[in-house]
């Protein structure tokens, strides 16, 4: 029997505990079955996304430069 269902349940519980905002949690929900892609083993990635000064941008990136990146809406994201 595959361990994927157990790890999928475990990762869902971790997201629920670490990402309180349901909309943000929906955005970071993996679309692939666990194990199909590289598994992220981190205890601080989800809490980082929940910080008030962090915005999750799901748009496509059209350009990466030394100063940041650009999206189709022409809004530049500047790295700090």
N, C-alpha and C. Protein backbone atom coordinates (compact mmCIF):
# COMPACT_ATOMS: atom_id res chain seq x y z
N UNK A 1 0.84 -1.19 0.00
CA UNK A 1 0.00 0.00 0.00
C UNK A 1 0.88 1.25 0.00
N UNK A 2 0.48 2.23 -0.76
CA UNK A 2 1.23 3.47 -0.89
C UNK A 2 1.09 4.33 0.37
N UNK A 3 2.19 4.97 0.81
CA UNK A 3 2.11 5.88 1.96
C UNK A 3 1.55 7.26 1.59
N UNK A 4 1.26 7.49 0.29
CA UNK A 4 0.81 8.81 -0.17
C UNK A 4 -0.43 9.33 0.57
N UNK A 5 -1.47 8.50 0.80
CA UNK A 5 -2.65 9.03 1.51
C UNK A 5 -2.32 9.54 2.92
N UNK A 6 -1.44 8.83 3.63
CA UNK A 6 -1.06 9.27 4.97
C UNK A 6 -0.34 10.61 4.92
N UNK A 7 0.65 10.73 4.02
CA UNK A 7 1.42 11.97 3.93
C UNK A 7 0.57 13.12 3.39
N UNK A 8 -0.38 12.82 2.53
CA UNK A 8 -1.29 13.85 2.05
C UNK A 8 -2.14 14.40 3.20
N UNK A 9 -2.64 13.52 4.03
CA UNK A 9 -3.43 13.93 5.19
C UNK A 9 -2.57 14.73 6.17
N UNK A 10 -1.35 14.27 6.40
CA UNK A 10 -0.43 14.96 7.29
C UNK A 10 -0.10 16.36 6.78
N UNK A 11 0.16 16.49 5.48
CA UNK A 11 0.50 17.80 4.92
C UNK A 11 -0.71 18.74 4.96
N UNK A 12 -1.91 18.21 4.74
CA UNK A 12 -3.12 19.03 4.82
C UNK A 12 -3.30 19.56 6.24
N UNK A 13 -3.04 18.71 7.24
CA UNK A 13 -3.17 19.14 8.63
C UNK A 13 -2.13 20.22 8.96
N UNK A 14 -0.92 20.05 8.45
CA UNK A 14 0.12 21.05 8.69
C UNK A 14 -0.27 22.40 8.08
N UNK A 15 -0.79 22.39 6.86
CA UNK A 15 -1.23 23.66 6.24
C UNK A 15 -2.34 24.30 7.04
N UNK A 16 -3.27 23.49 7.53
CA UNK A 16 -4.40 24.02 8.30
C UNK A 16 -3.92 24.68 9.60
N UNK A 17 -2.91 24.12 10.22
CA UNK A 17 -2.36 24.68 11.45
C UNK A 17 -1.51 25.93 11.19
N UNK A 18 -0.77 25.92 10.11
CA UNK A 18 0.20 26.99 9.88
C UNK A 18 -0.33 28.13 9.01
N UNK A 19 -1.37 27.90 8.24
CA UNK A 19 -1.94 28.95 7.38
C UNK A 19 -3.40 29.11 7.77
N UNK A 20 -3.70 30.10 8.56
CA UNK A 20 -5.05 30.31 9.08
C UNK A 20 -6.01 30.88 8.03
N UNK A 21 -5.49 31.66 7.09
CA UNK A 21 -6.33 32.28 6.07
C UNK A 21 -6.75 31.23 5.03
N UNK A 22 -8.05 30.94 4.91
CA UNK A 22 -8.50 29.91 3.97
C UNK A 22 -8.16 30.21 2.51
N UNK A 23 -8.19 31.48 2.11
CA UNK A 23 -7.85 31.85 0.73
C UNK A 23 -6.38 31.58 0.44
N UNK A 24 -5.51 31.97 1.35
CA UNK A 24 -4.08 31.70 1.18
C UNK A 24 -3.83 30.19 1.20
N UNK A 25 -4.50 29.49 2.09
CA UNK A 25 -4.34 28.03 2.17
C UNK A 25 -4.76 27.37 0.85
N UNK A 26 -5.82 27.87 0.23
CA UNK A 26 -6.27 27.34 -1.06
C UNK A 26 -5.20 27.57 -2.14
N UNK A 27 -4.55 28.73 -2.10
CA UNK A 27 -3.53 29.05 -3.10
C UNK A 27 -2.29 28.16 -2.98
N UNK A 28 -1.95 27.74 -1.78
CA UNK A 28 -0.74 26.93 -1.59
C UNK A 28 -1.02 25.43 -1.58
N UNK A 29 -2.29 25.06 -1.77
CA UNK A 29 -2.66 23.63 -1.81
C UNK A 29 -2.04 22.99 -3.05
N UNK A 30 -1.24 21.95 -2.89
CA UNK A 30 -0.64 21.29 -4.06
C UNK A 30 -1.72 20.69 -4.96
N UNK A 31 -1.49 20.73 -6.26
CA UNK A 31 -2.44 20.14 -7.20
C UNK A 31 -2.02 18.73 -7.60
N UNK A 32 -0.80 18.35 -7.30
CA UNK A 32 -0.30 17.02 -7.63
C UNK A 32 -0.37 16.11 -6.41
N UNK A 33 -0.48 14.82 -6.66
CA UNK A 33 -0.43 13.84 -5.59
C UNK A 33 0.94 13.90 -4.94
N UNK A 34 0.97 13.79 -3.62
CA UNK A 34 2.24 13.87 -2.91
C UNK A 34 3.18 12.78 -3.42
N UNK A 35 4.41 13.16 -3.68
CA UNK A 35 5.40 12.25 -4.22
C UNK A 35 5.58 12.38 -5.72
N UNK A 36 4.65 13.05 -6.41
CA UNK A 36 4.78 13.23 -7.86
C UNK A 36 5.85 14.27 -8.19
N UNK A 37 6.04 15.19 -7.30
CA UNK A 37 7.07 16.21 -7.45
C UNK A 37 7.89 16.23 -6.17
N UNK A 38 8.91 17.02 -6.15
CA UNK A 38 9.78 17.11 -4.99
C UNK A 38 8.99 17.58 -3.77
N UNK A 39 9.17 16.89 -2.65
CA UNK A 39 8.47 17.21 -1.41
C UNK A 39 9.27 18.28 -0.67
N UNK A 40 8.58 19.33 -0.23
CA UNK A 40 9.21 20.42 0.52
C UNK A 40 9.21 20.05 2.00
N UNK A 41 10.37 19.83 2.55
CA UNK A 41 10.50 19.51 3.97
C UNK A 41 10.93 20.78 4.69
N UNK A 42 9.97 21.53 5.19
CA UNK A 42 10.25 22.80 5.84
C UNK A 42 9.17 23.08 6.87
N UNK A 43 9.58 23.65 7.98
CA UNK A 43 8.61 24.01 9.01
C UNK A 43 8.37 25.53 9.04
N UNK A 44 9.05 26.27 8.15
CA UNK A 44 8.89 27.73 8.20
C UNK A 44 8.37 28.35 6.91
N UNK A 45 8.15 27.55 5.87
CA UNK A 45 7.69 28.12 4.60
C UNK A 45 6.27 28.64 4.71
N UNK A 46 5.33 27.86 5.21
CA UNK A 46 3.94 28.31 5.36
C UNK A 46 3.81 29.49 6.32
N UNK A 47 4.43 29.45 7.51
CA UNK A 47 4.34 30.62 8.39
C UNK A 47 4.92 31.89 7.76
N UNK A 48 5.94 31.75 6.92
CA UNK A 48 6.50 32.91 6.24
C UNK A 48 5.47 33.55 5.32
N UNK A 49 4.72 32.73 4.61
CA UNK A 49 3.69 33.26 3.70
C UNK A 49 2.58 33.99 4.45
N UNK A 50 2.38 33.64 5.71
CA UNK A 50 1.31 34.24 6.51
C UNK A 50 1.73 35.56 7.17
N UNK A 51 2.98 35.97 7.01
CA UNK A 51 3.45 37.21 7.61
C UNK A 51 2.75 38.40 6.96
N UNK A 52 2.47 39.47 7.72
CA UNK A 52 1.74 40.61 7.16
C UNK A 52 2.47 41.34 6.03
N UNK A 53 3.79 41.27 5.98
CA UNK A 53 4.54 41.98 4.94
C UNK A 53 4.82 41.12 3.71
N UNK A 54 4.24 39.92 3.65
CA UNK A 54 4.49 39.00 2.54
C UNK A 54 3.23 38.87 1.70
N UNK A 55 3.38 38.94 0.38
CA UNK A 55 2.27 38.74 -0.55
C UNK A 55 2.61 37.56 -1.45
N UNK A 56 1.70 36.63 -1.58
CA UNK A 56 1.87 35.51 -2.50
C UNK A 56 1.38 35.95 -3.87
N UNK A 57 2.26 35.91 -4.85
CA UNK A 57 1.92 36.32 -6.20
C UNK A 57 1.85 35.06 -7.05
N UNK A 58 0.69 34.78 -7.61
CA UNK A 58 0.48 33.56 -8.39
C UNK A 58 0.49 33.81 -9.89
N UNK A 59 0.69 35.06 -10.30
CA UNK A 59 0.72 35.39 -11.72
C UNK A 59 2.01 34.85 -12.35
N UNK A 60 1.98 34.73 -13.66
CA UNK A 60 3.17 34.32 -14.40
C UNK A 60 4.21 35.44 -14.34
N UNK A 61 5.47 35.07 -14.29
CA UNK A 61 6.56 36.04 -14.32
C UNK A 61 7.04 36.13 -15.77
N UNK A 62 7.12 37.34 -16.29
CA UNK A 62 7.52 37.53 -17.69
C UNK A 62 9.00 37.88 -17.84
N UNK A 63 9.60 38.40 -16.77
CA UNK A 63 10.99 38.83 -16.86
C UNK A 63 11.62 38.81 -15.47
N UNK A 64 12.86 38.37 -15.41
CA UNK A 64 13.63 38.40 -14.17
C UNK A 64 14.87 39.24 -14.43
N UNK A 65 15.07 40.26 -13.58
CA UNK A 65 16.22 41.15 -13.71
C UNK A 65 16.95 41.19 -12.37
N UNK A 66 18.13 41.79 -12.31
CA UNK A 66 18.82 41.90 -11.03
C UNK A 66 18.04 42.69 -9.98
N UNK A 67 17.13 43.56 -10.44
CA UNK A 67 16.36 44.39 -9.51
C UNK A 67 15.04 43.75 -9.07
N UNK A 68 14.62 42.67 -9.69
CA UNK A 68 13.35 42.04 -9.33
C UNK A 68 12.77 41.30 -10.51
N UNK A 69 11.45 41.18 -10.52
CA UNK A 69 10.78 40.46 -11.60
C UNK A 69 9.56 41.24 -12.06
N UNK A 70 9.08 40.93 -13.26
CA UNK A 70 7.91 41.59 -13.83
C UNK A 70 6.82 40.57 -14.10
N UNK A 71 5.57 41.05 -14.02
CA UNK A 71 4.42 40.21 -14.33
C UNK A 71 3.71 40.80 -15.54
N UNK A 72 2.79 40.04 -16.14
CA UNK A 72 2.08 40.56 -17.32
C UNK A 72 1.35 41.87 -17.06
N UNK A 73 0.90 42.10 -15.85
CA UNK A 73 0.18 43.34 -15.54
C UNK A 73 1.13 44.53 -15.44
N UNK A 74 2.39 44.33 -15.79
CA UNK A 74 3.42 45.38 -15.79
C UNK A 74 3.74 45.89 -14.40
N UNK A 75 3.34 45.16 -13.38
CA UNK A 75 3.70 45.55 -12.02
C UNK A 75 5.02 44.89 -11.67
N UNK A 76 5.97 45.69 -11.29
CA UNK A 76 7.30 45.16 -10.98
C UNK A 76 7.36 44.75 -9.51
N UNK A 77 7.95 43.59 -9.29
CA UNK A 77 8.17 43.10 -7.93
C UNK A 77 9.64 43.29 -7.64
N UNK A 78 9.96 44.12 -6.69
CA UNK A 78 11.34 44.44 -6.36
C UNK A 78 11.77 43.60 -5.18
N UNK A 79 12.88 42.92 -5.32
CA UNK A 79 13.37 42.12 -4.21
C UNK A 79 14.06 43.03 -3.20
N UNK A 80 13.98 42.65 -1.97
CA UNK A 80 14.56 43.46 -0.89
C UNK A 80 15.91 42.93 -0.49
